[in-house]
Amino acid sequence: QGPRQVVTTPPAGGMSDIDSEAGGSSDDSAELVDAQDGDWDWGEQESSATRDVLYHEIEHESTGACLDHCASKYGWDLREFAKRLQLDIYGSIRVVNYLRKEVLANRAQLDDIALTKHLQHPFINGTRPALLEDDSFLFPVLEDDALLSALSQESFDGPGHAGVSEATDGVSALRMQNEELRSQLIAQQALLEDAKTSLIANLQDSSAPDEHSSSDSDDIDTPSAQRSFGGKQKRTGGKSKNFEANEQSYFDSYAKTGIHHEMLSDHTRTESYRLFLQENPSLIKDKIVLDVGCGTGILSMFAAQAGAKHVYAIDMSDILTDAREIVRKNGFADKITLFQGKVEDIKLPVEQVDVIVSEWMGYFLLYESMLDSVIWARDKYLAPGGVCMPDHTPMFISAIQDDVRLNFWDNVYGFQMPNIKEKVHRQLTSEPVVDHYNGEQCQLSDSCMFRNVDCQNGSVADLEFIADFQVVAHKSGKCDAMLTWFDTIFREKCDREVVFTTGPHVPHEKQTHWKQTALYLAEPVMLEEGDSISGKVHCHRRKENARHLDILLEYAHTKKGSTVRGENKFQNYALY
């Protein structure tokens, strides 16, 4: 589909929080510029203490000493690794934050050898992994992390670095990049703070039951775009001043090969689409197929291979240039016609198509809002009796206990770190967490389908909603979060029905790149077997960027056998 990335924002707070999360202030930038340009050598002369790659409680006297220790102690020469990947400053920051995050999550379970192999895994095939395009890794995992810039190719001498003048240019460029990133952080914080304020104010104003209460069952199916929600009134259809910039950024991310490698490497996802297209001859053979958001053209080639009469493939990004060459190289140039642009702006040479296929799903199913274009194409081109696939994508929710992310800080080699635990908790509860979870280990309750997106018959208005849910605990435990996922179903008129899940209850190797989306609670709920958590999931597009989401979780805890529902609580999240 598109860029599988969540652009996160730092937790709400004052400027001091921004300075801390960004790893410094404008004063730090001034100090950087004042450094002796000709003697600047990041890898060897950085004076600040640097935390070890595998043991964050161990500090080395410099980044150079840290990298030397990693090479000698763990057998991983990060300098050579960085040179091979040709990391720029952003690449260095992403890699270091990836290492820090994975160490925090896995240090307690893995020994040095296993943990090093785990950290190296995304890079073992010699290609650039998707994490190098993931902006969530631009935000420091550890405060004042001196290692962040140490893997940049500007950090040490090597091919393509010819002395003092280029070193000076590198420092100047870094200062500019640092200021740009800082400005982006401040802007994102302001947007998040505004959204939180308006959502909370609206909830407080409407907390008393009345004739328009959300407990009214008729309100559940009313699209939130048609009423006041989170301080936002019904849309007028006008575009924000940043609309075009947001759209261009979104489509530009499709042109990068890393995301396509991630999607094509997702066997569950790609094989399911292949099975649908190649095991349903009554739908595909001798039929006209439209592939919306074709990317590299893999689905179009599956359809052509299965005997489609002709395939029309559309993508807005520059990956379309590569797709044309891929189609030609594989002998399908006479069967597949490719168009670059938005489907809404393209005039197909046919009036109708028999099948529309698209891999449009995002995190929390609806992140990125690509389904809008699929629905537009369906209403414009799909012939009577035709199918739009996948035709159903139900969304599920369950209660989970997470003993890793927070409890880790209760005993770090015998030391308590409550301030770090509080900070981590604040980050977890301000935005959804997209990650792989082990359902067998963490699920406390059954799951509940809270929304079913009907791609065959639904409308764009259906993509904003308030939906009921109720889950019942099947064992006692501490509910730290509500975990969500979705299934993808190819069913309408199929010879062979194909279904795959993005849920936590399948083996890790069969989980998808969509992972699951966790909504962490500000206050955990202590559950006994038979207790229930019920409430509503509110989903609304962000005013600033319709491809992003505001999610509001409304929930209450009810004891087993009780007829009295617990106190209603509210928590909002911004999925960027």
Protein backbone atom coordinates (compact mmCIF):
# COMPACT_ATOMS: atom_id res chain seq x y z
CA GLN A 1 0.00 0.00 0.00
CA GLY A 2 2.13 2.85 1.07
CA PRO A 3 4.58 4.09 3.60
CA ARG A 4 4.18 1.93 6.65
CA GLN A 5 5.34 4.47 9.01
CA VAL A 6 4.03 6.18 12.06
CA VAL A 7 5.48 9.66 12.54
CA THR A 8 5.40 10.03 16.32
CA THR A 9 5.42 13.16 18.43
CA PRO A 10 7.02 13.78 21.82
CA PRO A 11 4.81 13.77 24.91
CA ALA A 12 2.93 16.97 25.65
CA GLY A 13 4.82 19.38 27.82
CA GLY A 14 6.80 22.55 27.82
CA MET A 15 9.83 23.57 25.84
CA SER A 16 12.04 21.75 28.32
CA ASP A 17 10.49 18.46 27.16
CA ILE A 18 11.26 19.30 23.55
CA ASP A 19 14.86 20.15 24.42
CA SER A 20 15.25 16.93 26.34
CA GLU A 21 13.70 14.71 23.69
CA ALA A 22 15.62 16.37 20.86
CA GLY A 23 18.89 15.79 22.68
CA GLY A 24 19.80 19.44 23.24
CA SER A 25 18.89 23.08 22.76
CA SER A 26 19.81 25.91 20.46
CA ASP A 27 22.76 26.55 22.77
CA ASP A 28 24.05 23.09 21.94
CA SER A 29 23.95 24.01 18.25
CA ALA A 30 25.98 27.13 18.93
CA GLU A 31 28.59 25.07 20.76
CA LEU A 32 28.72 22.71 17.80
CA VAL A 33 29.49 25.56 15.39
CA ASP A 34 32.17 26.93 17.72
CA ALA A 35 34.10 23.64 17.65
CA GLN A 36 37.50 23.65 15.97
CA ASP A 37 36.45 22.84 12.41
CA GLY A 38 39.75 21.36 11.27
CA ASP A 39 40.05 19.05 14.29
CA TRP A 40 36.45 17.82 14.32
CA ASP A 41 36.25 14.02 14.51
CA TRP A 42 32.98 12.71 15.90
CA GLY A 43 33.97 9.09 16.15
CA GLU A 44 37.11 9.68 18.22
CA GLN A 45 37.07 13.07 19.93
CA GLU A 46 33.56 13.32 21.32
CA SER A 47 34.21 14.19 24.96
CA SER A 48 30.83 13.30 26.52
CA ALA A 49 30.40 9.91 28.14
CA THR A 50 28.73 7.38 25.85
CA ARG A 51 26.49 4.55 26.99
CA ASP A 52 27.37 1.02 25.92
CA VAL A 53 25.55 -0.53 22.97
CA LEU A 54 24.25 -3.54 24.95
CA TYR A 55 24.46 -2.29 28.56
CA HIS A 56 23.09 1.22 28.88
CA GLU A 57 24.18 1.47 32.51
CA ILE A 58 27.84 1.21 31.40
CA GLU A 59 29.44 4.43 30.17
CA HIS A 60 32.53 4.79 27.99
CA GLU A 61 34.68 7.92 28.01
CA SER A 62 33.90 8.71 24.36
CA THR A 63 31.93 7.50 21.36
CA GLY A 64 35.17 6.16 19.90
CA ALA A 65 35.79 4.05 23.01
CA CYS A 66 32.21 2.80 22.87
CA LEU A 67 32.56 1.73 19.22
CA ASP A 68 35.92 0.08 19.95
CA HIS A 69 34.37 -1.85 22.84
CA CYS A 70 31.47 -3.00 20.66
CA ALA A 71 33.91 -4.33 18.05
CA SER A 72 36.18 -6.13 20.52
CA LYS A 73 33.62 -7.32 23.08
CA TYR A 74 30.60 -8.16 20.90
CA GLY A 75 32.34 -8.79 17.58
CA TRP A 76 30.35 -6.09 15.75
CA ASP A 77 32.34 -3.32 14.07
CA LEU A 78 29.74 -0.57 13.83
CA ARG A 79 32.12 1.70 11.91
CA GLU A 80 32.43 -0.77 9.04
CA PHE A 81 28.71 -1.47 9.27
CA ALA A 82 27.92 2.27 8.98
CA LYS A 83 30.30 2.68 6.03
CA ARG A 84 28.65 -0.22 4.21
CA LEU A 85 25.21 1.39 4.63
CA GLN A 86 26.61 4.90 3.90
CA LEU A 87 24.64 6.36 6.78
CA ASP A 88 23.98 10.09 6.81
CA ILE A 89 23.18 11.94 10.03
CA TYR A 90 19.53 10.85 9.94
CA GLY A 91 20.51 7.25 9.21
CA SER A 92 22.88 7.27 12.17
CA ILE A 93 20.17 8.60 14.48
CA ARG A 94 17.65 6.01 13.24
CA VAL A 95 20.06 3.09 13.66
CA VAL A 96 21.19 4.12 17.16
CA ASN A 97 17.60 4.63 18.35
CA TYR A 98 16.66 1.26 16.84
CA LEU A 99 19.52 -0.37 18.80
CA ARG A 100 18.53 1.43 22.00
CA LYS A 101 14.86 0.47 21.67
CA GLU A 102 15.54 -3.18 20.94
CA VAL A 103 18.03 -3.47 23.79
CA LEU A 104 15.48 -2.06 26.25
CA ALA A 105 12.86 -4.52 25.02
CA ASN A 106 15.04 -7.64 24.90
CA ARG A 107 17.99 -7.18 27.30
CA ALA A 108 16.35 -9.17 30.11
CA GLN A 109 15.54 -12.15 27.87
CA LEU A 110 18.66 -12.50 25.71
CA ASP A 111 22.37 -13.02 26.40
CA ASP A 112 25.04 -10.94 24.64
CA ILE A 113 25.41 -13.22 21.63
CA ALA A 114 21.68 -13.68 21.05
CA LEU A 115 20.98 -9.97 21.55
CA THR A 116 23.73 -8.96 19.09
CA LYS A 117 22.32 -11.35 16.48
CA HIS A 118 18.84 -9.94 17.12
CA LEU A 119 20.11 -6.38 16.58
CA GLN A 120 21.91 -7.38 13.37
CA HIS A 121 18.95 -9.28 11.92
CA PRO A 122 17.35 -6.43 9.86
CA PHE A 123 20.70 -5.88 8.10
CA ILE A 124 21.85 -9.43 7.36
CA ASN A 125 20.54 -9.65 3.80
CA GLY A 126 22.73 -6.77 2.65
CA THR A 127 19.85 -4.42 1.79
CA ARG A 128 18.81 -1.21 3.50
CA PRO A 129 16.08 -2.13 6.00
CA ALA A 130 12.80 -0.24 6.27
CA LEU A 131 13.79 1.20 9.65
CA LEU A 132 16.15 3.59 7.82
CA GLU A 133 13.03 5.26 6.40
CA ASP A 134 11.04 5.15 9.67
CA ASP A 135 10.80 8.64 11.20
CA SER A 136 9.74 7.26 14.58
CA PHE A 137 13.41 6.40 15.10
CA LEU A 138 14.39 10.07 14.83
CA PHE A 139 13.29 10.66 18.42
CA PRO A 140 15.88 9.70 21.06
CA VAL A 141 15.20 6.61 23.14
CA LEU A 142 17.80 7.64 25.73
CA GLU A 143 18.27 11.18 26.94
CA ASP A 144 21.52 12.95 25.98
CA ASP A 145 22.64 9.98 23.89
CA ALA A 146 26.14 10.83 22.66
CA LEU A 147 26.11 7.87 20.26
CA LEU A 148 23.29 9.26 18.08
CA SER A 149 25.46 10.89 15.44
CA ALA A 150 28.50 8.63 15.76
CA LEU A 151 27.61 6.32 12.84
CA SER A 152 27.18 9.12 10.32
CA GLN A 153 29.70 9.08 7.49
CA GLU A 154 30.43 12.67 8.52
CA SER A 155 31.66 11.22 11.81
CA PHE A 156 34.97 9.76 10.63
CA ASP A 157 37.39 10.03 7.76
CA GLY A 158 36.94 7.69 4.82
CA PRO A 159 36.30 7.61 1.07
CA GLY A 160 34.66 10.80 -0.11
CA HIS A 161 35.82 12.90 2.87
CA ALA A 162 38.68 15.09 1.76
CA GLY A 163 39.70 17.17 4.73
CA VAL A 164 39.00 20.35 6.56
CA SER A 165 36.68 22.09 4.11
CA GLU A 166 34.35 19.10 3.82
CA ALA A 167 34.39 18.59 7.59
CA THR A 168 33.35 22.22 7.99
CA ASP A 169 30.53 21.73 5.48
CA GLY A 170 29.42 18.64 7.41
CA VAL A 171 29.19 20.55 10.68
CA SER A 172 27.27 23.38 9.03
CA ALA A 173 24.87 20.94 7.38
CA LEU A 174 24.32 19.12 10.66
CA ARG A 175 23.50 22.40 12.42
CA MET A 176 20.88 23.16 9.78
CA GLN A 177 19.44 19.65 9.96
CA ASN A 178 19.33 19.82 13.75
CA GLU A 179 17.43 23.10 13.68
CA GLU A 180 15.01 21.76 11.06
CA LEU A 181 14.29 18.66 13.14
CA ARG A 182 13.83 20.79 16.24
CA SER A 183 11.30 22.99 14.43
CA GLN A 184 9.39 19.93 13.28
CA LEU A 185 9.25 18.61 16.85
CA ILE A 186 7.89 21.90 18.17
CA ALA A 187 5.25 22.06 15.43
CA GLN A 188 4.15 18.48 16.04
CA GLN A 189 3.90 19.10 19.77
CA ALA A 190 1.67 22.12 19.19
CA LEU A 191 -0.66 20.11 16.97
CA LEU A 192 -0.91 17.29 19.51
CA GLU A 193 -1.52 19.65 22.40
CA ASP A 194 -4.29 21.43 20.47
CA ALA A 195 -5.98 18.14 19.62
CA LYS A 196 -5.84 16.91 23.22
CA THR A 197 -7.23 20.15 24.61
CA SER A 198 -10.18 20.23 22.25
CA LEU A 199 -11.00 16.54 22.71
CA ILE A 200 -10.94 16.72 26.51
CA ALA A 201 -13.00 19.95 26.56
CA ASN A 202 -15.63 18.41 24.31
CA LEU A 203 -15.87 15.27 26.43
CA GLN A 204 -16.28 17.24 29.62
CA ASP A 205 -19.04 19.34 28.04
CA SER A 206 -20.91 16.28 26.81
CA SER A 207 -20.33 13.88 29.73
CA ALA A 208 -23.84 14.26 31.11
CA PRO A 209 -26.40 11.98 29.40
CA ASP A 210 -28.85 13.74 27.12
CA GLU A 211 -30.91 13.09 24.05
CA HIS A 212 -27.76 13.09 21.91
CA SER A 213 -25.73 10.85 24.22
CA SER A 214 -23.38 8.41 22.49
CA SER A 215 -25.11 5.65 24.45
CA ASP A 216 -28.00 6.05 22.01
CA SER A 217 -27.64 3.07 19.71
CA ASP A 218 -28.72 5.11 16.69
CA ASP A 219 -25.61 7.26 17.14
CA ILE A 220 -23.20 4.38 16.75
CA ASP A 221 -23.57 4.22 13.00
CA THR A 222 -23.64 7.97 12.45
CA PRO A 223 -20.33 9.04 10.88
CA SER A 224 -18.50 11.37 13.21
CA ALA A 225 -17.80 13.69 10.27
CA GLN A 226 -21.52 14.54 10.42
CA ARG A 227 -21.51 15.83 13.99
CA SER A 228 -19.28 17.65 16.43
CA PHE A 229 -16.41 15.43 17.54
CA GLY A 230 -13.29 16.36 19.49
CA GLY A 231 -13.97 20.06 19.03
CA LYS A 232 -14.23 19.76 15.25
CA GLN A 233 -17.41 20.58 13.36
CA LYS A 234 -18.64 19.02 10.15
CA ARG A 235 -16.15 19.50 7.35
CA THR A 236 -16.86 22.00 4.62
CA GLY A 237 -14.63 20.30 2.07
CA GLY A 238 -11.96 22.99 2.11
CA LYS A 239 -8.29 22.03 1.98
CA SER A 240 -5.81 23.16 4.63
CA LYS A 241 -2.83 25.17 3.52
CA ASN A 242 -0.61 22.16 4.19
CA PHE A 243 -2.78 19.72 2.24
CA GLU A 244 -0.65 19.59 -0.89
CA ALA A 245 2.58 19.36 1.09
CA ASN A 246 1.17 16.48 3.16
CA GLU A 247 0.02 14.66 0.04
CA GLN A 248 3.34 15.13 -1.73
CA SER A 249 5.24 13.84 1.31
CA TYR A 250 2.93 10.83 1.51
CA PHE A 251 3.37 9.84 -2.13
CA ASP A 252 7.10 10.58 -2.12
CA SER A 253 7.54 7.96 0.59
CA TYR A 254 6.19 5.35 -1.84
CA ALA A 255 9.15 5.96 -4.15
CA LYS A 256 11.59 4.55 -1.61
CA THR A 257 12.44 0.91 -2.10
CA GLY A 258 12.68 0.09 1.61
CA ILE A 259 8.93 0.09 2.16
CA HIS A 260 8.35 -2.11 -0.88
CA HIS A 261 10.93 -4.57 0.41
CA GLU A 262 9.09 -4.65 3.74
CA MET A 263 5.71 -5.30 2.11
CA LEU A 264 6.93 -7.89 -0.38
CA SER A 265 8.85 -9.68 2.40
CA ASP A 266 5.60 -10.00 4.37
CA HIS A 267 4.77 -13.55 3.26
CA THR A 268 1.35 -13.67 4.92
CA ARG A 269 0.26 -10.50 3.13
CA THR A 270 1.73 -11.17 -0.30
CA GLU A 271 0.85 -14.87 -0.45
CA SER A 272 -2.75 -14.13 0.53
CA TYR A 273 -3.13 -11.69 -2.36
CA ARG A 274 -1.49 -14.20 -4.70
CA LEU A 275 -3.91 -16.94 -3.60
CA PHE A 276 -6.92 -14.69 -4.16
CA LEU A 277 -5.79 -13.62 -7.63
CA GLN A 278 -4.59 -17.04 -8.82
CA GLU A 279 -7.05 -19.40 -7.13
CA ASN A 280 -10.26 -17.65 -8.23
CA PRO A 281 -10.45 -18.13 -12.01
CA SER A 282 -14.16 -17.30 -12.23
CA LEU A 283 -13.34 -13.80 -10.97
CA ILE A 284 -10.02 -13.15 -12.74
CA LYS A 285 -9.68 -15.15 -15.96
CA ASP A 286 -10.59 -13.09 -19.06
CA LYS A 287 -11.66 -10.19 -16.82
CA ILE A 288 -10.53 -6.56 -16.67
CA VAL A 289 -8.73 -5.78 -13.41
CA LEU A 290 -7.88 -2.41 -11.84
CA ASP A 291 -4.99 -2.32 -9.34
CA VAL A 292 -5.18 0.84 -7.20
CA GLY A 293 -1.86 1.77 -5.60
CA CYS A 294 0.10 -0.84 -7.56
CA GLY A 295 3.57 -0.09 -6.17
CA THR A 296 6.06 -2.45 -7.84
CA GLY A 297 3.22 -4.09 -9.80
CA ILE A 298 3.28 -7.43 -7.99
CA LEU A 299 -0.53 -7.75 -7.73
CA SER A 300 -0.97 -6.73 -11.37
CA MET A 301 1.47 -9.43 -12.44
CA PHE A 302 -0.33 -12.02 -10.29
CA ALA A 303 -3.57 -11.09 -12.06
CA ALA A 304 -2.00 -11.19 -15.54
CA GLN A 305 -0.40 -14.51 -14.73
CA ALA A 306 -3.84 -15.83 -13.71
CA GLY A 307 -5.29 -14.99 -17.14
CA ALA A 308 -6.80 -11.55 -16.73
CA LYS A 309 -7.86 -10.05 -20.04
CA HIS A 310 -6.12 -6.79 -19.15
CA VAL A 311 -4.87 -5.07 -16.00
CA TYR A 312 -4.80 -1.31 -15.42
CA ALA A 313 -2.37 -0.35 -12.65
CA ILE A 314 -2.23 3.08 -11.00
CA ASP A 315 0.24 4.62 -8.56
CA MET A 316 0.99 8.24 -7.75
CA SER A 317 4.60 7.77 -6.65
CA ASP A 318 7.75 7.55 -8.73
CA ILE A 319 7.96 3.82 -8.02
CA LEU A 320 5.72 3.61 -11.09
CA THR A 321 8.82 4.13 -13.27
CA ASP A 322 10.35 1.01 -11.76
CA ALA A 323 7.06 -0.86 -12.06
CA ARG A 324 6.99 -0.24 -15.82
CA GLU A 325 10.44 -1.79 -16.18
CA ILE A 326 9.48 -4.72 -13.92
CA VAL A 327 6.35 -5.41 -15.98
CA ARG A 328 8.32 -5.21 -19.24
CA LYS A 329 11.12 -7.43 -17.92
CA ASN A 330 8.65 -10.13 -16.88
CA GLY A 331 6.85 -10.17 -20.22
CA PHE A 332 3.55 -8.52 -19.25
CA ALA A 333 3.84 -5.23 -21.19
CA ASP A 334 0.96 -6.23 -23.47
CA LYS A 335 -1.27 -7.26 -20.55
CA ILE A 336 -0.63 -4.49 -18.01
CA THR A 337 -1.06 -0.76 -18.63
CA LEU A 338 0.38 1.50 -15.96
CA PHE A 339 -0.62 5.08 -15.13
CA GLN A 340 1.17 7.49 -12.80
CA GLY A 341 -1.12 9.80 -10.87
CA LYS A 342 -4.08 9.74 -8.50
CA VAL A 343 -6.87 7.42 -9.58
CA GLU A 344 -9.25 10.37 -9.17
CA ASP A 345 -7.31 12.32 -11.82
CA ILE A 346 -6.82 9.55 -14.39
CA LYS A 347 -9.19 8.71 -17.25
CA LEU A 348 -9.06 4.98 -17.93
CA PRO A 349 -9.45 3.83 -21.56
CA VAL A 350 -12.38 1.64 -20.46
CA GLU A 351 -15.72 2.56 -18.95
CA GLN A 352 -15.88 -0.35 -16.52
CA VAL A 353 -13.69 -2.97 -14.84
CA ASP A 354 -14.71 -6.36 -13.43
CA VAL A 355 -12.37 -6.46 -10.45
CA ILE A 356 -10.71 -3.81 -8.29
CA VAL A 357 -7.86 -5.03 -6.11
CA SER A 358 -5.84 -2.90 -3.73
CA GLU A 359 -3.61 -3.33 -0.72
CA TRP A 360 -4.79 -0.15 0.99
CA MET A 361 -4.66 -1.08 4.68
CA GLY A 362 -2.56 0.85 7.21
CA TYR A 363 -1.80 0.72 10.91
CA PHE A 364 -5.03 0.49 12.91
CA LEU A 365 -6.44 -0.45 9.48
CA LEU A 366 -7.38 3.14 8.58
CA TYR A 367 -4.12 5.06 9.02
CA GLU A 368 -3.20 6.72 5.69
CA SER A 369 -6.84 6.76 4.42
CA MET A 370 -6.01 5.16 1.09
CA LEU A 371 -9.39 3.44 1.09
CA ASP A 372 -10.94 6.75 -0.01
CA SER A 373 -9.34 6.34 -3.44
CA VAL A 374 -10.42 2.70 -3.70
CA ILE A 375 -14.02 3.62 -2.92
CA TRP A 376 -13.88 6.43 -5.49
CA ALA A 377 -12.59 4.00 -8.13
CA ARG A 378 -15.24 1.44 -7.18
CA ASP A 379 -18.07 3.94 -7.59
CA LYS A 380 -16.60 5.24 -10.86
CA TYR A 381 -15.47 2.10 -12.68
CA LEU A 382 -16.75 -1.14 -11.12
CA ALA A 383 -19.19 -2.94 -13.40
CA PRO A 384 -22.48 -4.28 -11.99
CA GLY A 385 -21.73 -7.64 -10.43
CA GLY A 386 -18.02 -6.80 -10.12
CA VAL A 387 -15.99 -7.18 -6.93
CA CYS A 388 -13.79 -4.84 -4.90
CA MET A 389 -11.16 -6.85 -3.02
CA PRO A 390 -10.54 -7.40 -0.21
CA ASP A 391 -14.24 -6.99 0.51
CA HIS A 392 -14.26 -7.06 4.32
CA THR A 393 -11.76 -5.91 6.96
CA PRO A 394 -13.12 -6.45 10.50
CA MET A 395 -11.35 -4.74 13.41
CA PHE A 396 -10.83 -6.42 16.80
CA ILE A 397 -9.92 -5.37 20.34
CA SER A 398 -8.69 -7.26 23.41
CA ALA A 399 -7.29 -6.52 26.89
CA ILE A 400 -3.58 -7.20 27.39
CA GLN A 401 -1.00 -7.17 30.16
CA ASP A 402 2.44 -5.84 29.26
CA ASP A 403 5.15 -6.83 31.74
CA VAL A 404 8.02 -5.66 29.54
CA ARG A 405 7.76 -1.98 28.72
CA LEU A 406 7.03 -0.68 32.23
CA ASN A 407 8.09 -3.34 34.73
CA PHE A 408 11.59 -3.37 33.23
CA TRP A 409 12.32 -0.14 35.10
CA ASP A 410 11.35 -1.57 38.50
CA ASN A 411 14.51 -3.68 38.70
CA VAL A 412 17.40 -2.77 36.42
CA TYR A 413 20.26 -4.88 37.77
CA GLY A 414 18.85 -4.37 41.25
CA PHE A 415 18.21 -0.64 40.85
CA GLN A 416 14.84 1.11 40.73
CA MET A 417 14.28 3.78 38.08
CA PRO A 418 10.80 5.17 38.80
CA ASN A 419 11.44 8.48 37.02
CA ILE A 420 12.27 6.68 33.77
CA LYS A 421 9.27 4.41 34.26
CA GLU A 422 7.03 7.46 34.62
CA LYS A 423 8.48 9.02 31.49
CA VAL A 424 8.01 5.80 29.49
CA HIS A 425 4.43 5.54 30.74
CA ARG A 426 3.75 9.12 29.65
CA GLN A 427 5.05 8.34 26.17
CA LEU A 428 3.06 5.10 25.91
CA THR A 429 -0.22 6.76 26.83
CA SER A 430 0.10 9.75 24.50
CA GLU A 431 0.11 7.87 21.20
CA PRO A 432 -0.71 4.35 19.96
CA VAL A 433 2.11 1.81 20.06
CA VAL A 434 2.54 -0.20 16.85
CA ASP A 435 4.43 -3.42 17.56
CA HIS A 436 4.28 -7.21 17.47
CA TYR A 437 2.68 -8.77 20.57
CA ASN A 438 2.52 -12.40 21.67
CA GLY A 439 -1.16 -13.06 22.32
CA GLU A 440 -0.56 -16.28 24.22
CA GLN A 441 1.59 -14.42 26.73
CA CYS A 442 -0.19 -11.08 27.02
CA GLN A 443 -3.91 -11.47 26.25
CA LEU A 444 -6.14 -11.32 29.34
CA SER A 445 -9.53 -11.43 27.61
CA ASP A 446 -11.42 -12.67 24.63
CA SER A 447 -11.48 -10.43 21.57
CA CYS A 448 -14.38 -8.40 20.25
CA MET A 449 -15.04 -7.21 16.72
CA PHE A 450 -15.83 -3.52 17.10
CA ARG A 451 -15.95 -2.46 13.45
CA ASN A 452 -16.28 -4.13 10.05
CA VAL A 453 -15.21 -2.04 7.07
CA ASP A 454 -17.20 -3.16 4.01
CA CYS A 455 -15.08 -2.33 0.97
CA GLN A 456 -17.67 -3.72 -1.45
CA ASN A 457 -20.57 -1.54 -0.31
CA GLY A 458 -19.31 0.96 2.28
CA SER A 459 -18.81 4.70 1.92
CA VAL A 460 -16.06 7.13 2.88
CA ALA A 461 -18.28 8.40 5.71
CA ASP A 462 -18.09 4.93 7.30
CA LEU A 463 -14.38 5.40 7.94
CA GLU A 464 -15.09 7.78 10.83
CA PHE A 465 -17.12 6.15 13.57
CA ILE A 466 -17.99 5.46 17.19
CA ALA A 467 -18.17 1.72 17.84
CA ASP A 468 -19.12 -0.31 20.92
CA PHE A 469 -16.98 -3.06 22.38
CA GLN A 470 -17.00 -5.44 25.34
CA VAL A 471 -14.35 -7.99 26.29
CA VAL A 472 -14.46 -10.52 29.14
CA ALA A 473 -11.36 -11.56 31.07
CA HIS A 474 -10.50 -15.24 30.79
CA LYS A 475 -7.86 -14.95 33.52
CA SER A 476 -6.80 -12.55 36.27
CA GLY A 477 -4.22 -9.89 35.55
CA LYS A 478 -3.40 -6.22 35.16
CA CYS A 479 -4.81 -4.70 31.98
CA ASP A 480 -2.18 -2.24 30.78
CA ALA A 481 -3.60 -1.62 27.31
CA MET A 482 -6.30 -2.43 24.81
CA LEU A 483 -4.79 -4.14 21.78
CA THR A 484 -6.33 -3.75 18.31
CA TRP A 485 -5.82 -5.53 14.97
CA PHE A 486 -7.75 -6.40 11.82
CA ASP A 487 -8.45 -9.32 9.49
CA THR A 488 -8.49 -9.13 5.71
CA ILE A 489 -11.12 -11.18 3.86
CA PHE A 490 -11.52 -12.06 0.18
CA ARG A 491 -14.98 -13.66 0.05
CA GLU A 492 -17.52 -12.12 -2.38
CA LYS A 493 -18.18 -14.58 -5.27
CA CYS A 494 -14.86 -16.32 -4.65
CA ASP A 495 -14.11 -19.88 -5.76
CA ARG A 496 -11.68 -19.99 -2.86
CA GLU A 497 -12.10 -17.73 0.14
CA VAL A 498 -8.87 -16.26 1.47
CA VAL A 499 -8.49 -14.75 4.95
CA PHE A 500 -5.46 -13.49 6.84
CA THR A 501 -5.14 -11.82 10.22
CA THR A 502 -2.81 -9.18 11.62
CA GLY A 503 -3.62 -10.39 15.15
CA PRO A 504 -1.30 -11.41 18.02
CA HIS A 505 -2.51 -15.00 18.26
CA VAL A 506 -0.52 -16.36 15.32
CA PRO A 507 3.15 -17.43 15.48
CA HIS A 508 5.63 -14.58 15.22
CA GLU A 509 6.89 -15.69 11.81
CA LYS A 510 3.34 -15.41 10.43
CA GLN A 511 2.63 -11.98 11.87
CA THR A 512 2.47 -9.16 9.36
CA HIS A 513 4.25 -5.86 8.90
CA TRP A 514 1.06 -4.13 10.09
CA LYS A 515 1.77 -5.56 13.56
CA GLN A 516 -0.86 -4.63 16.17
CA THR A 517 -1.84 -1.24 17.58
CA ALA A 518 -1.93 -0.90 21.38
CA LEU A 519 -3.79 1.82 23.27
CA TYR A 520 -2.10 2.05 26.68
CA LEU A 521 -4.21 3.11 29.65
CA ALA A 522 -3.23 5.95 31.98
CA GLU A 523 -4.29 3.76 34.91
CA PRO A 524 -4.11 -0.05 34.59
CA VAL A 525 -7.28 -2.02 35.32
CA MET A 526 -7.00 -4.97 37.73
CA LEU A 527 -9.09 -7.79 36.28
CA GLU A 528 -10.38 -11.01 37.80
CA GLU A 529 -11.57 -13.87 35.63
CA GLY A 530 -15.08 -13.02 34.39
CA ASP A 531 -14.68 -9.24 34.77
CA SER A 532 -15.40 -7.16 31.68
CA ILE A 533 -14.19 -3.96 30.07
CA SER A 534 -16.69 -2.24 27.84
CA GLY A 535 -16.92 1.06 26.07
CA LYS A 536 -16.55 2.75 22.71
CA VAL A 537 -13.79 3.36 20.20
CA HIS A 538 -14.04 6.79 18.56
CA CYS A 539 -12.11 7.18 15.31
CA HIS A 540 -11.80 10.49 13.50
CA ARG A 541 -9.47 11.93 10.87
CA ARG A 542 -7.12 14.65 11.98
CA LYS A 543 -8.02 18.14 10.83
CA GLU A 544 -4.40 18.93 9.94
CA ASN A 545 -3.87 15.79 7.85
CA ALA A 546 -6.76 13.51 6.89
CA ARG A 547 -4.37 10.56 6.51
CA HIS A 548 -3.71 10.68 10.26
CA LEU A 549 -6.14 9.72 13.02
CA ASP A 550 -7.47 10.89 16.35
CA ILE A 551 -8.54 7.88 18.43
CA LEU A 552 -10.54 8.23 21.61
CA LEU A 553 -10.98 5.24 23.93
CA GLU A 554 -13.99 5.35 26.24
CA TYR A 555 -14.04 2.44 28.70
CA ALA A 556 -15.31 1.14 32.04
CA HIS A 557 -14.55 -1.89 34.24
CA THR A 558 -17.41 -4.10 35.45
CA LYS A 559 -16.89 -6.80 38.08
CA LYS A 560 -18.08 -10.34 37.37
CA GLY A 561 -21.73 -10.77 38.30
CA SER A 562 -22.25 -7.07 38.93
CA THR A 563 -25.07 -5.15 37.28
CA VAL A 564 -23.36 -1.84 38.04
CA ARG A 565 -20.98 -0.62 35.37
CA GLY A 566 -17.82 1.04 36.64
CA GLU A 567 -16.77 4.65 36.16
CA ASN A 568 -16.48 5.77 32.55
CA LYS A 569 -12.95 6.84 31.64
CA PHE A 570 -11.63 8.56 28.52
CA GLN A 571 -8.26 8.59 26.85
CA ASN A 572 -7.24 10.03 23.50
CA TYR A 573 -4.39 9.17 21.15
CA ALA A 574 -2.96 10.75 18.01
CA LEU A 575 -1.82 8.33 15.30
CA TYR A 576 0.63 10.26 13.10
